[in-house]
Amino acid sequence: MAGDRVFDLIERLGALLRSELRRLGAPHGLEPVHLQALAYLARANRYSDTPIAVAEFLGLTKGNVSQRLIALEKAGMLLRRPDRDDARVVHLAPTAKAQALLAALSPPPGWRAAMAASGADTARLEAGLTGLLSALQQANGRRTFGQCRGCRFLQHVGNTFTCGLTRDPLEPDHTLLLCREHEAAA
């Protein structure tokens, strides 16, 4: 069937990446899911740096993610801070130790060399994979977790950015972060 080979290739690429993350994380006592959670949190905005957002992004249960986050906190990789307006909300951020690890491992060593050696047209590959990801998210009712810069809610006047959904002002660099409320701009 059409697309079966693409599915097989993406599945294999995913397995290779998980294996590499497992190998790279093991000396630090981390599993691939820990590295994925930290990588997500390093790119998440203030609406998306919560335990429930991590669970949604990773497609895991709240309980599963809760245990993973506790392990990261115990390992000195994660900071928790209460929300300034709602005491029920907790925000998460990778520590400097975690950020240094992510800088060394994401993407895994050898990724760029392998991409270059493959001869792939990275712009076309990125566009195709982005389209596939979007279609899969829509078909499965999943959030897009996109950057504010590509969101229909972003309001931009001069050098001022505002989230049209929350009416909160946004720092320019925050518009490059991932948001769980993201909806693609038309």
N, C-alpha and C. Protein backbone atom coordinates (compact mmCIF):
# COMPACT_ATOMS: atom_id res chain seq x y z
N MET A 1 0.83 -1.20 0.00
CA MET A 1 0.00 0.00 0.00
C MET A 1 0.87 1.25 0.00
N ALA A 2 0.31 2.32 -0.49
CA ALA A 2 1.02 3.60 -0.52
C ALA A 2 1.33 4.05 0.90
N GLY A 3 2.55 4.44 1.12
CA GLY A 3 2.96 4.95 2.43
C GLY A 3 3.47 3.90 3.40
N ASP A 4 3.27 2.61 3.11
CA ASP A 4 3.73 1.57 4.04
C ASP A 4 5.25 1.60 4.20
N ARG A 5 5.96 1.80 3.11
CA ARG A 5 7.42 1.85 3.18
C ARG A 5 7.87 3.07 3.99
N VAL A 6 7.18 4.20 3.81
CA VAL A 6 7.51 5.40 4.58
C VAL A 6 7.28 5.13 6.06
N PHE A 7 6.17 4.48 6.40
CA PHE A 7 5.90 4.11 7.79
C PHE A 7 7.03 3.24 8.34
N ASP A 8 7.43 2.23 7.58
CA ASP A 8 8.51 1.33 8.01
C ASP A 8 9.81 2.11 8.26
N LEU A 9 10.12 3.04 7.37
CA LEU A 9 11.35 3.82 7.52
C LEU A 9 11.29 4.74 8.74
N ILE A 10 10.17 5.40 8.94
CA ILE A 10 10.03 6.28 10.10
C ILE A 10 10.06 5.48 11.39
N GLU A 11 9.43 4.32 11.38
CA GLU A 11 9.45 3.46 12.56
C GLU A 11 10.89 3.05 12.89
N ARG A 12 11.66 2.69 11.88
CA ARG A 12 13.04 2.27 12.09
C ARG A 12 13.90 3.44 12.56
N LEU A 13 13.71 4.61 11.96
CA LEU A 13 14.44 5.80 12.41
C LEU A 13 14.14 6.10 13.87
N GLY A 14 12.87 5.99 14.26
CA GLY A 14 12.47 6.22 15.64
C GLY A 14 13.15 5.23 16.59
N ALA A 15 13.20 3.97 16.18
CA ALA A 15 13.84 2.95 17.01
C ALA A 15 15.34 3.23 17.15
N LEU A 16 15.98 3.64 16.07
CA LEU A 16 17.41 3.96 16.13
C LEU A 16 17.68 5.16 17.04
N LEU A 17 16.83 6.19 16.92
CA LEU A 17 17.00 7.36 17.77
C LEU A 17 16.77 7.03 19.24
N ARG A 18 15.75 6.24 19.55
CA ARG A 18 15.50 5.82 20.95
C ARG A 18 16.68 5.02 21.48
N SER A 19 17.22 4.14 20.66
CA SER A 19 18.38 3.34 21.07
C SER A 19 19.57 4.23 21.37
N GLU A 20 19.80 5.21 20.53
CA GLU A 20 20.90 6.14 20.74
C GLU A 20 20.68 6.98 22.00
N LEU A 21 19.45 7.44 22.20
CA LEU A 21 19.13 8.21 23.42
C LEU A 21 19.32 7.34 24.67
N ARG A 22 18.94 6.08 24.57
CA ARG A 22 19.11 5.16 25.70
C ARG A 22 20.61 5.02 26.03
N ARG A 23 21.42 4.86 25.00
CA ARG A 23 22.87 4.72 25.18
C ARG A 23 23.47 5.99 25.77
N LEU A 24 23.06 7.14 25.26
CA LEU A 24 23.62 8.41 25.72
C LEU A 24 23.12 8.81 27.11
N GLY A 25 21.89 8.45 27.43
CA GLY A 25 21.31 8.81 28.72
C GLY A 25 21.74 7.90 29.85
N ALA A 26 22.09 6.65 29.54
CA ALA A 26 22.42 5.65 30.57
C ALA A 26 23.51 6.11 31.54
N PRO A 27 24.60 6.71 31.09
CA PRO A 27 25.62 7.14 32.05
C PRO A 27 25.11 8.19 33.05
N HIS A 28 24.00 8.83 32.71
CA HIS A 28 23.43 9.87 33.57
C HIS A 28 22.21 9.34 34.34
N GLY A 29 21.93 8.04 34.19
CA GLY A 29 20.78 7.45 34.86
C GLY A 29 19.46 7.85 34.23
N LEU A 30 19.48 8.22 32.95
CA LEU A 30 18.29 8.71 32.26
C LEU A 30 17.87 7.77 31.14
N GLU A 31 16.57 7.63 31.00
CA GLU A 31 15.97 6.87 29.91
C GLU A 31 15.61 7.85 28.79
N PRO A 32 15.32 7.33 27.58
CA PRO A 32 14.93 8.23 26.49
C PRO A 32 13.78 9.17 26.85
N VAL A 33 12.79 8.68 27.57
CA VAL A 33 11.64 9.52 27.93
C VAL A 33 12.07 10.69 28.81
N HIS A 34 13.08 10.49 29.66
CA HIS A 34 13.58 11.60 30.47
C HIS A 34 14.20 12.68 29.59
N LEU A 35 15.00 12.25 28.63
CA LEU A 35 15.63 13.21 27.72
C LEU A 35 14.58 13.92 26.86
N GLN A 36 13.57 13.18 26.44
CA GLN A 36 12.50 13.79 25.64
C GLN A 36 11.73 14.82 26.45
N ALA A 37 11.46 14.53 27.72
CA ALA A 37 10.75 15.47 28.58
C ALA A 37 11.59 16.73 28.79
N LEU A 38 12.87 16.55 29.06
CA LEU A 38 13.75 17.70 29.25
C LEU A 38 13.86 18.54 27.98
N ALA A 39 14.00 17.88 26.84
CA ALA A 39 14.10 18.60 25.56
C ALA A 39 12.82 19.39 25.30
N TYR A 40 11.67 18.79 25.60
CA TYR A 40 10.40 19.51 25.43
C TYR A 40 10.37 20.72 26.35
N LEU A 41 10.67 20.52 27.64
CA LEU A 41 10.59 21.62 28.60
C LEU A 41 11.56 22.75 28.27
N ALA A 42 12.69 22.43 27.66
CA ALA A 42 13.65 23.45 27.26
C ALA A 42 13.10 24.34 26.15
N ARG A 43 12.08 23.86 25.44
CA ARG A 43 11.49 24.62 24.33
C ARG A 43 10.07 25.07 24.60
N ALA A 44 9.54 24.82 25.81
CA ALA A 44 8.14 25.11 26.11
C ALA A 44 7.97 26.52 26.69
N ASN A 45 6.85 27.15 26.33
CA ASN A 45 6.56 28.47 26.89
C ASN A 45 5.85 28.33 28.24
N ARG A 46 5.48 29.45 28.84
CA ARG A 46 4.91 29.42 30.19
C ARG A 46 3.52 28.80 30.27
N TYR A 47 2.86 28.61 29.15
CA TYR A 47 1.56 27.92 29.14
C TYR A 47 1.74 26.41 29.00
N SER A 48 2.96 26.01 28.70
CA SER A 48 3.21 24.63 28.29
C SER A 48 4.30 23.92 29.09
N ASP A 49 4.74 24.52 30.17
CA ASP A 49 5.81 23.93 30.97
C ASP A 49 5.26 23.27 32.24
N THR A 50 4.11 22.65 32.12
CA THR A 50 3.44 22.00 33.25
C THR A 50 3.48 20.48 33.08
N PRO A 51 3.29 19.74 34.16
CA PRO A 51 3.28 18.28 34.05
C PRO A 51 2.25 17.75 33.05
N ILE A 52 1.05 18.33 33.02
CA ILE A 52 0.02 17.83 32.10
C ILE A 52 0.43 18.10 30.65
N ALA A 53 1.09 19.22 30.39
CA ALA A 53 1.55 19.50 29.03
C ALA A 53 2.64 18.52 28.61
N VAL A 54 3.53 18.17 29.53
CA VAL A 54 4.56 17.18 29.23
C VAL A 54 3.90 15.85 28.86
N ALA A 55 2.89 15.44 29.65
CA ALA A 55 2.17 14.19 29.38
C ALA A 55 1.51 14.23 28.01
N GLU A 56 0.86 15.34 27.69
CA GLU A 56 0.21 15.47 26.37
C GLU A 56 1.22 15.42 25.24
N PHE A 57 2.33 16.13 25.41
CA PHE A 57 3.34 16.17 24.36
C PHE A 57 3.92 14.78 24.10
N LEU A 58 4.21 14.06 25.18
CA LEU A 58 4.81 12.74 25.04
C LEU A 58 3.79 11.64 24.75
N GLY A 59 2.50 11.95 24.91
CA GLY A 59 1.46 10.95 24.68
C GLY A 59 1.44 9.89 25.76
N LEU A 60 1.75 10.28 27.00
CA LEU A 60 1.79 9.35 28.13
C LEU A 60 0.75 9.76 29.18
N THR A 61 0.49 8.87 30.13
CA THR A 61 -0.47 9.19 31.19
C THR A 61 0.16 10.16 32.19
N LYS A 62 -0.69 10.87 32.92
CA LYS A 62 -0.21 11.80 33.94
C LYS A 62 0.61 11.08 35.00
N GLY A 63 0.15 9.89 35.42
CA GLY A 63 0.85 9.13 36.44
C GLY A 63 2.24 8.71 36.00
N ASN A 64 2.35 8.23 34.77
CA ASN A 64 3.63 7.82 34.22
C ASN A 64 4.59 9.00 34.19
N VAL A 65 4.11 10.12 33.68
CA VAL A 65 4.95 11.30 33.55
C VAL A 65 5.31 11.84 34.94
N SER A 66 4.39 11.79 35.87
CA SER A 66 4.66 12.28 37.22
C SER A 66 5.87 11.56 37.82
N GLN A 67 5.91 10.25 37.66
CA GLN A 67 7.04 9.47 38.18
C GLN A 67 8.34 9.84 37.48
N ARG A 68 8.28 10.08 36.19
CA ARG A 68 9.47 10.46 35.41
C ARG A 68 9.98 11.84 35.86
N LEU A 69 9.06 12.75 36.11
CA LEU A 69 9.44 14.10 36.52
C LEU A 69 10.05 14.09 37.92
N ILE A 70 9.52 13.26 38.80
CA ILE A 70 10.09 13.12 40.15
C ILE A 70 11.53 12.62 40.05
N ALA A 71 11.77 11.64 39.18
CA ALA A 71 13.12 11.10 38.99
C ALA A 71 14.06 12.19 38.46
N LEU A 72 13.59 13.00 37.53
CA LEU A 72 14.41 14.09 36.99
C LEU A 72 14.73 15.12 38.08
N GLU A 73 13.76 15.41 38.90
CA GLU A 73 13.98 16.37 39.99
C GLU A 73 15.03 15.82 40.98
N LYS A 74 14.91 14.55 41.34
CA LYS A 74 15.87 13.92 42.25
C LYS A 74 17.27 13.89 41.66
N ALA A 75 17.36 13.79 40.34
CA ALA A 75 18.66 13.75 39.66
C ALA A 75 19.25 15.15 39.46
N GLY A 76 18.55 16.17 39.93
CA GLY A 76 19.05 17.53 39.78
C GLY A 76 18.91 18.08 38.38
N MET A 77 17.98 17.52 37.62
CA MET A 77 17.79 17.93 36.22
C MET A 77 16.57 18.83 36.02
N LEU A 78 15.74 18.98 37.05
CA LEU A 78 14.47 19.66 36.87
C LEU A 78 14.16 20.53 38.08
N LEU A 79 13.66 21.72 37.81
CA LEU A 79 13.20 22.64 38.85
C LEU A 79 11.69 22.79 38.76
N ARG A 80 11.03 22.82 39.90
CA ARG A 80 9.59 23.08 39.99
C ARG A 80 9.39 24.44 40.64
N ARG A 81 8.45 25.20 40.12
CA ARG A 81 8.12 26.47 40.76
C ARG A 81 6.61 26.69 40.65
N PRO A 82 6.01 27.23 41.69
CA PRO A 82 4.57 27.45 41.65
C PRO A 82 4.22 28.60 40.71
N ASP A 83 3.03 28.55 40.17
CA ASP A 83 2.52 29.63 39.32
C ASP A 83 2.27 30.85 40.20
N ARG A 84 2.54 32.01 39.68
CA ARG A 84 2.37 33.23 40.49
C ARG A 84 0.91 33.58 40.74
N ASP A 85 0.00 33.09 39.86
CA ASP A 85 -1.41 33.44 40.00
C ASP A 85 -2.29 32.30 40.49
N ASP A 86 -1.86 31.06 40.30
CA ASP A 86 -2.69 29.90 40.64
C ASP A 86 -1.83 28.86 41.34
N ALA A 87 -2.01 28.72 42.65
CA ALA A 87 -1.18 27.83 43.46
C ALA A 87 -1.32 26.36 43.06
N ARG A 88 -2.36 26.01 42.32
CA ARG A 88 -2.54 24.63 41.88
C ARG A 88 -1.64 24.26 40.71
N VAL A 89 -1.10 25.26 40.04
CA VAL A 89 -0.29 25.03 38.84
C VAL A 89 1.19 25.06 39.20
N VAL A 90 1.91 24.08 38.66
CA VAL A 90 3.36 23.99 38.85
C VAL A 90 4.03 24.12 37.48
N HIS A 91 5.06 24.95 37.43
CA HIS A 91 5.84 25.11 36.21
C HIS A 91 7.16 24.36 36.38
N LEU A 92 7.65 23.82 35.28
CA LEU A 92 8.86 23.00 35.28
C LEU A 92 9.90 23.62 34.36
N ALA A 93 11.16 23.50 34.75
CA ALA A 93 12.25 24.00 33.90
C ALA A 93 13.48 23.13 34.09
N PRO A 94 14.17 22.83 33.01
CA PRO A 94 15.43 22.09 33.12
C PRO A 94 16.46 22.93 33.87
N THR A 95 17.26 22.29 34.70
CA THR A 95 18.35 22.98 35.40
C THR A 95 19.48 23.26 34.42
N ALA A 96 20.46 24.02 34.88
CA ALA A 96 21.64 24.28 34.05
C ALA A 96 22.33 22.96 33.70
N LYS A 97 22.37 22.04 34.65
CA LYS A 97 22.96 20.71 34.41
C LYS A 97 22.23 20.00 33.27
N ALA A 98 20.91 20.04 33.28
CA ALA A 98 20.11 19.40 32.23
C ALA A 98 20.30 20.10 30.90
N GLN A 99 20.36 21.43 30.92
CA GLN A 99 20.54 22.18 29.68
C GLN A 99 21.89 21.87 29.04
N ALA A 100 22.92 21.71 29.87
CA ALA A 100 24.24 21.35 29.33
C ALA A 100 24.21 19.96 28.71
N LEU A 101 23.52 19.04 29.36
CA LEU A 101 23.39 17.69 28.82
C LEU A 101 22.63 17.71 27.50
N LEU A 102 21.54 18.46 27.45
CA LEU A 102 20.76 18.56 26.21
C LEU A 102 21.59 19.16 25.08
N ALA A 103 22.37 20.16 25.40
CA ALA A 103 23.21 20.79 24.37
C ALA A 103 24.20 19.79 23.78
N ALA A 104 24.66 18.86 24.61
CA ALA A 104 25.62 17.86 24.14
C ALA A 104 24.96 16.71 23.39
N LEU A 105 23.69 16.43 23.69
CA LEU A 105 23.05 15.23 23.17
C LEU A 105 21.92 15.47 22.16
N SER A 106 21.52 16.70 21.96
CA SER A 106 20.36 16.94 21.10
C SER A 106 20.71 17.92 19.98
N PRO A 107 20.77 17.47 18.74
CA PRO A 107 20.56 16.09 18.33
C PRO A 107 21.75 15.23 18.75
N PRO A 108 21.54 13.91 18.76
CA PRO A 108 22.63 13.02 19.16
C PRO A 108 23.85 13.21 18.27
N PRO A 109 25.04 13.02 18.87
CA PRO A 109 26.26 13.12 18.06
C PRO A 109 26.16 12.21 16.82
N GLY A 110 26.62 12.73 15.72
CA GLY A 110 26.57 11.95 14.48
C GLY A 110 25.35 12.25 13.63
N TRP A 111 24.33 12.89 14.20
CA TRP A 111 23.10 13.18 13.45
C TRP A 111 23.38 14.06 12.24
N ARG A 112 24.06 15.17 12.47
CA ARG A 112 24.32 16.11 11.36
C ARG A 112 25.18 15.46 10.27
N ALA A 113 26.17 14.70 10.69
CA ALA A 113 27.03 14.02 9.71
C ALA A 113 26.23 13.00 8.91
N ALA A 114 25.34 12.28 9.60
CA ALA A 114 24.51 11.28 8.90
C ALA A 114 23.57 11.97 7.93
N MET A 115 23.00 13.11 8.32
CA MET A 115 22.11 13.85 7.41
C MET A 115 22.88 14.31 6.18
N ALA A 116 24.06 14.83 6.40
CA ALA A 116 24.88 15.30 5.27
C ALA A 116 25.26 14.14 4.37
N ALA A 117 25.65 13.03 4.96
CA ALA A 117 26.07 11.86 4.18
C ALA A 117 24.91 11.24 3.41
N SER A 118 23.70 11.42 3.90
CA SER A 118 22.54 10.82 3.24
C SER A 118 22.22 11.50 1.92
N GLY A 119 22.67 12.74 1.76
CA GLY A 119 22.38 13.47 0.54
C GLY A 119 20.93 13.95 0.47
N ALA A 120 20.22 13.85 1.58
CA ALA A 120 18.80 14.25 1.59
C ALA A 120 18.66 15.75 1.39
N ASP A 121 17.65 16.12 0.66
CA ASP A 121 17.28 17.53 0.50
C ASP A 121 16.54 17.89 1.78
N THR A 122 17.25 18.48 2.75
CA THR A 122 16.69 18.69 4.07
C THR A 122 15.46 19.60 4.06
N ALA A 123 15.43 20.59 3.18
CA ALA A 123 14.27 21.48 3.13
C ALA A 123 13.02 20.71 2.69
N ARG A 124 13.17 19.88 1.66
CA ARG A 124 12.03 19.08 1.19
C ARG A 124 11.64 18.02 2.22
N LEU A 125 12.64 17.41 2.83
CA LEU A 125 12.38 16.39 3.86
C LEU A 125 11.64 17.01 5.04
N GLU A 126 12.11 18.17 5.49
CA GLU A 126 11.45 18.85 6.61
C GLU A 126 10.02 19.22 6.25
N ALA A 127 9.80 19.74 5.06
CA ALA A 127 8.45 20.12 4.64
C ALA A 127 7.54 18.90 4.58
N GLY A 128 8.03 17.81 4.04
CA GLY A 128 7.22 16.59 3.95
C GLY A 128 6.89 16.01 5.32
N LEU A 129 7.89 15.97 6.20
CA LEU A 129 7.65 15.43 7.54
C LEU A 129 6.75 16.35 8.36
N THR A 130 6.87 17.66 8.16
CA THR A 130 6.00 18.60 8.85
C THR A 130 4.55 18.39 8.42
N GLY A 131 4.34 18.22 7.13
CA GLY A 131 2.99 17.95 6.62
C GLY A 131 2.43 16.65 7.16
N LEU A 132 3.26 15.61 7.19
CA LEU A 132 2.83 14.32 7.72
C LEU A 132 2.49 14.43 9.20
N LEU A 133 3.34 15.10 9.97
CA LEU A 133 3.09 15.28 11.40
C LEU A 133 1.77 16.02 11.62
N SER A 134 1.56 17.07 10.89
CA SER A 134 0.33 17.85 11.03
C SER A 134 -0.91 17.00 10.71
N ALA A 135 -0.83 16.23 9.64
CA ALA A 135 -1.96 15.37 9.26
C ALA A 135 -2.23 14.32 10.32
N LEU A 136 -1.17 13.72 10.88
CA LEU A 136 -1.34 12.71 11.92
C LEU A 136 -1.91 13.32 13.20
N GLN A 137 -1.43 14.51 13.57
CA GLN A 137 -1.97 15.18 14.76
C GLN A 137 -3.45 15.48 14.58
N GLN A 138 -3.82 15.97 13.43
CA GLN A 138 -5.21 16.30 13.16
C GLN A 138 -6.07 15.04 13.14
N ALA A 139 -5.60 14.00 12.48
CA ALA A 139 -6.36 12.75 12.39
C ALA A 139 -6.57 12.09 13.75
N ASN A 140 -5.62 12.31 14.67
CA ASN A 140 -5.70 11.68 15.98
C ASN A 140 -6.16 12.64 17.08
N GLY A 141 -6.58 13.84 16.70
CA GLY A 141 -7.08 14.80 17.67
C GLY A 141 -6.02 15.25 18.66
N ARG A 142 -4.79 15.36 18.23
CA ARG A 142 -3.68 15.76 19.11
C ARG A 142 -3.37 17.25 18.95
N ARG A 143 -2.86 17.83 20.00
CA ARG A 143 -2.42 19.22 19.96
C ARG A 143 -1.17 19.31 19.08
N THR A 144 -0.95 20.48 18.50
CA THR A 144 0.19 20.65 17.59
C THR A 144 1.47 21.05 18.30
N PHE A 145 1.37 21.71 19.45
CA PHE A 145 2.56 22.15 20.19
C PHE A 145 3.52 22.90 19.28
N GLY A 146 3.01 23.87 18.56
CA GLY A 146 3.85 24.65 17.66
C GLY A 146 4.36 25.92 18.30
N GLN A 147 5.22 26.62 17.58
CA GLN A 147 5.75 27.90 18.04
C GLN A 147 4.68 28.98 17.91
N CYS A 148 4.69 29.93 18.85
CA CYS A 148 3.75 31.04 18.79
C CYS A 148 3.84 31.78 17.46
N ARG A 149 5.04 31.85 16.89
CA ARG A 149 5.22 32.58 15.63
C ARG A 149 4.37 32.02 14.50
N GLY A 150 3.96 30.77 14.60
CA GLY A 150 3.12 30.16 13.57
C GLY A 150 1.70 29.94 14.02
N CYS A 151 1.27 30.65 15.07
CA CYS A 151 -0.05 30.43 15.67
C CYS A 151 -1.05 31.48 15.23
N ARG A 152 -2.28 31.05 15.06
CA ARG A 152 -3.34 31.98 14.66
C ARG A 152 -3.67 32.99 15.75
N PHE A 153 -3.31 32.71 16.99
CA PHE A 153 -3.62 33.61 18.10
C PHE A 153 -2.60 34.73 18.27
N LEU A 154 -1.42 34.60 17.66
CA LEU A 154 -0.38 35.60 17.85
C LEU A 154 -0.80 36.93 17.23
N GLN A 155 -0.68 37.96 18.02
CA GLN A 155 -0.93 39.32 17.54
C GLN A 155 0.39 40.07 17.61
N HIS A 156 0.74 40.70 16.51
CA HIS A 156 2.05 41.32 16.39
C HIS A 156 1.88 42.72 15.83
N VAL A 157 2.27 43.72 16.63
CA VAL A 157 2.23 45.12 16.19
C VAL A 157 3.59 45.71 16.53
N GLY A 158 4.33 46.10 15.50
CA GLY A 158 5.68 46.62 15.72
C GLY A 158 6.55 45.58 16.39
N ASN A 159 7.12 45.93 17.53
CA ASN A 159 7.94 44.99 18.29
C ASN A 159 7.18 44.39 19.45
N THR A 160 5.85 44.50 19.44
CA THR A 160 5.03 44.02 20.54
C THR A 160 4.27 42.77 20.11
N PHE A 161 4.33 41.75 20.95
CA PHE A 161 3.64 40.49 20.69
C PHE A 161 2.65 40.23 21.83
N THR A 162 1.47 39.75 21.45
CA THR A 162 0.43 39.41 22.42
C THR A 162 -0.20 38.10 22.01
N CYS A 163 -0.51 37.26 23.00
CA CYS A 163 -1.29 36.06 22.72
C CYS A 163 -2.75 36.47 22.67
N GLY A 164 -3.37 36.31 21.52
CA GLY A 164 -4.77 36.67 21.36
C GLY A 164 -5.72 35.78 22.13
N LEU A 165 -5.26 34.61 22.55
CA LEU A 165 -6.10 33.69 23.33
C LEU A 165 -6.14 34.11 24.79
N THR A 166 -4.97 34.41 25.36
CA THR A 166 -4.89 34.75 26.79
C THR A 166 -4.83 36.25 27.04
N ARG A 167 -4.55 37.00 26.00
CA ARG A 167 -4.36 38.46 26.07
C ARG A 167 -3.10 38.84 26.83
N ASP A 168 -2.20 37.90 27.04
CA ASP A 168 -0.95 38.16 27.74
C ASP A 168 0.09 38.69 26.77
N PRO A 169 0.91 39.64 27.22
CA PRO A 169 2.03 40.08 26.38
C PRO A 169 3.08 38.98 26.32
N LEU A 170 3.77 38.91 25.19
CA LEU A 170 4.81 37.90 24.98
C LEU A 170 6.12 38.60 24.64
N GLU A 171 7.18 38.13 25.26
CA GLU A 171 8.51 38.61 24.89
C GLU A 171 8.82 38.07 23.50
N PRO A 172 9.54 38.81 22.66
CA PRO A 172 9.83 38.33 21.30
C PRO A 172 10.45 36.94 21.26
N ASP A 173 11.40 36.65 22.17
CA ASP A 173 12.03 35.33 22.14
C ASP A 173 11.07 34.23 22.61
N HIS A 174 10.04 34.57 23.35
CA HIS A 174 9.05 33.58 23.79
C HIS A 174 8.16 33.13 22.64
N THR A 175 8.10 33.92 21.58
CA THR A 175 7.27 33.52 20.43
C THR A 175 7.92 32.39 19.64
N LEU A 176 9.15 32.04 19.99
CA LEU A 176 9.85 30.92 19.34
C LEU A 176 9.73 29.63 20.14
N LEU A 177 9.03 29.68 21.27
CA LEU A 177 8.88 28.51 22.12
C LEU A 177 7.62 27.72 21.74
N LEU A 178 7.56 26.48 22.22
CA LEU A 178 6.41 25.62 21.95
C LEU A 178 5.26 25.95 22.89
N CYS A 179 4.04 25.88 22.37
CA CYS A 179 2.85 26.18 23.15
C CYS A 179 1.80 25.10 22.93
N ARG A 180 1.21 24.62 24.02
CA ARG A 180 0.19 23.59 23.92
C ARG A 180 -1.12 24.14 23.38
N GLU A 181 -1.30 25.46 23.42
CA GLU A 181 -2.52 26.09 22.90
C GLU A 181 -2.40 26.45 21.43
N HIS A 182 -1.29 26.13 20.82
CA HIS A 182 -1.00 26.49 19.43
C HIS A 182 -2.07 25.96 18.47
N GLU A 183 -2.47 26.83 17.58
CA GLU A 183 -3.31 26.44 16.43
C GLU A 183 -2.68 27.10 15.23
N ALA A 184 -2.43 26.33 14.21
CA ALA A 184 -1.72 26.84 13.03
C ALA A 184 -2.43 28.03 12.43
N ALA A 185 -1.63 29.01 12.02
CA ALA A 185 -2.16 30.18 11.35
C ALA A 185 -2.64 29.79 9.97
N ALA A 186 -3.66 30.48 9.51
CA ALA A 186 -4.24 30.15 8.20
C ALA A 186 -3.30 30.48 7.07
